[in-house]
C-alpha atoms as a PDB file:
ATOM      1  CA  LYS A   1       0.000   0.000   0.000  1.00  0.00           C
ATOM      2  CA  SER A   2       1.121   3.553  -0.686  1.00  0.00           C
ATOM      3  CA  LYS A   3       1.714   5.997   2.157  1.00  0.00           C
ATOM      4  CA  GLN A   4      -1.422   7.859   1.082  1.00  0.00           C
ATOM      5  CA  GLN A   5      -3.480   4.643   1.274  1.00  0.00           C
ATOM      6  CA  ARG A   6      -2.092   3.842   4.746  1.00  0.00           C
ATOM      7  CA  ASP A   7      -2.802   7.386   5.940  1.00  0.00           C
ATOM      8  CA  ALA A   8      -6.362   7.048   4.665  1.00  0.00           C
ATOM      9  CA  ALA A   9      -6.917   3.608   6.241  1.00  0.00           C
ATOM     10  CA  LEU A  10     -10.575   3.493   7.192  1.00  0.00           C
ATOM     11  CA  THR A  11     -12.541   1.494   9.714  1.00  0.00           C
ATOM     12  CA  ASP A  12     -15.109  -1.015   8.477  1.00  0.00           C
ATOM     13  CA  ARG A  13     -17.915   1.361   9.454  1.00  0.00           C
ATOM     14  CA  GLN A  14     -16.258   4.257   7.624  1.00  0.00           C
ATOM     15  CA  HIS A  15     -16.058   2.041   4.533  1.00  0.00           C
ATOM     16  CA  ASP A  16     -19.780   1.292   4.909  1.00  0.00           C
ATOM     17  CA  VAL A  17     -20.616   4.991   5.152  1.00  0.00           C
ATOM     18  CA  LEU A  18     -18.299   5.859   2.254  1.00  0.00           C
ATOM     19  CA  ARG A  19     -19.929   3.273  -0.032  1.00  0.00           C
ATOM     20  CA  LEU A  20     -23.393   4.638   0.755  1.00  0.00           C
ATOM     21  CA  LEU A  21     -22.263   8.224   0.160  1.00  0.00           C
ATOM     22  CA  ALA A  22     -20.727   7.173  -3.155  1.00  0.00           C
ATOM     23  CA  ALA A  23     -24.111   5.624  -4.023  1.00  0.00           C
ATOM     24  CA  GLY A  24     -25.667   9.066  -3.494  1.00  0.00           C
ATOM     25  CA  LEU A  25     -27.402   8.520  -0.164  1.00  0.00           C
ATOM     26  CA  THR A  26     -27.906  11.354   2.307  1.00  0.00           C
ATOM     27  CA  ASN A  27     -26.706  11.063   5.919  1.00  0.00           C
ATOM     28  CA  LYS A  28     -30.266  10.278   6.974  1.00  0.00           C
ATOM     29  CA  GLU A  29     -30.673   7.576   4.309  1.00  0.00           C
ATOM     30  CA  ALA A  30     -27.289   6.064   5.184  1.00  0.00           C
ATOM     31  CA  ALA A  31     -28.254   6.093   8.866  1.00  0.00           C
ATOM     32  CA  THR A  32     -31.425   4.151   8.088  1.00  0.00           C
ATOM     33  CA  GLN A  33     -29.501   1.580   6.021  1.00  0.00           C
ATOM     34  CA  LEU A  34     -26.858   1.091   8.715  1.00  0.00           C
ATOM     35  CA  HIS A  35     -29.275   1.236  11.682  1.00  0.00           C
ATOM     36  CA  LEU A  36     -27.462   4.262  13.110  1.00  0.00           C
ATOM     37  CA  SER A  37     -28.542   7.745  14.063  1.00  0.00           C
ATOM     38  CA  PRO A  38     -28.071  10.490  11.467  1.00  0.00           C
ATOM     39  CA  ARG A  39     -25.730  12.215  13.944  1.00  0.00           C
ATOM     40  CA  THR A  40     -23.515   9.120  14.122  1.00  0.00           C
ATOM     41  CA  VAL A  41     -23.317   9.020  10.325  1.00  0.00           C
ATOM     42  CA  GLU A  42     -22.497  12.731  10.374  1.00  0.00           C
ATOM     43  CA  MET A  43     -19.578  11.998  12.712  1.00  0.00           C
ATOM     44  CA  HIS A  44     -18.351   9.193  10.438  1.00  0.00           C
ATOM     45  CA  VAL A  45     -18.528  11.555   7.450  1.00  0.00           C
ATOM     46  CA  ALA A  46     -16.542  14.202   9.363  1.00  0.00           C
ATOM     47  CA  SER A  47     -13.948  11.560  10.229  1.00  0.00           C
ATOM     48  CA  LEU A  48     -13.794  10.433   6.583  1.00  0.00           C
ATOM     49  CA  LEU A  49     -13.262  14.008   5.383  1.00  0.00           C
ATOM     50  CA  ASP A  50     -10.449  14.411   7.903  1.00  0.00           C
ATOM     51  CA  ARG A  51      -8.741  11.104   7.044  1.00  0.00           C
ATOM     52  CA  LEU A  52      -8.973  11.755   3.314  1.00  0.00           C
ATOM     53  CA  ASN A  53      -7.950  15.397   3.782  1.00  0.00           C
ATOM     54  CA  CYS A  54     -11.011  16.638   1.886  1.00  0.00           C
ATOM     55  CA  ARG A  55     -13.422  19.504   2.457  1.00  0.00           C
ATOM     56  CA  THR A  56     -16.502  18.103   0.704  1.00  0.00           C
ATOM     57  CA  ARG A  57     -18.273  14.779   0.375  1.00  0.00           C
ATOM     58  CA  ALA A  58     -17.749  14.847  -3.397  1.00  0.00           C
ATOM     59  CA  ALA A  59     -14.004  15.391  -2.966  1.00  0.00           C
ATOM     60  CA  ALA A  60     -13.857  12.549  -0.432  1.00  0.00           C
ATOM     61  CA  ILE A  61     -15.626  10.171  -2.820  1.00  0.00           C
ATOM     62  CA  ARG A  62     -13.305  11.206  -5.661  1.00  0.00           C
ATOM     63  CA  SER A  63     -10.227  10.774  -3.462  1.00  0.00           C
ATOM     64  CA  ALA A  64     -11.438   7.387  -2.181  1.00  0.00           C
ATOM     65  CA  GLY A  65     -11.902   6.263  -5.781  1.00  0.00           C
ATOM     66  CA  GLU A  66      -8.381   7.358  -6.672  1.00  0.00           C
ATOM     67  CA  LEU A  67      -7.016   5.509  -3.621  1.00  0.00           C
ATOM     68  CA  ARG A  68      -9.072   2.439  -4.609  1.00  0.00           C
ATOM     69  CA  LEU A  69     -10.907   2.474  -1.276  1.00  0.00           C
ATOM     70  CA  LEU A  70     -14.269   1.848  -2.951  1.00  0.00           C
ATOM     71  CA  GLU A  71     -13.315  -1.496  -4.509  1.00  0.00           C
END
């Protein structure tokens, strides 16, 4: 793995949230799918943005694709 991939290593739950975001779901929809509260999903999204060093959900999804985290 590249340094960038290691730095962006995600938890299983973060992967779950990332996949749902990439599929176009809102935080609320992702929360329903994962049986979590929308606030918990919001925290996972914030953590994802931080780990991927991105400011927006779209940038995080793009970056995750480039790092092959969505495969």
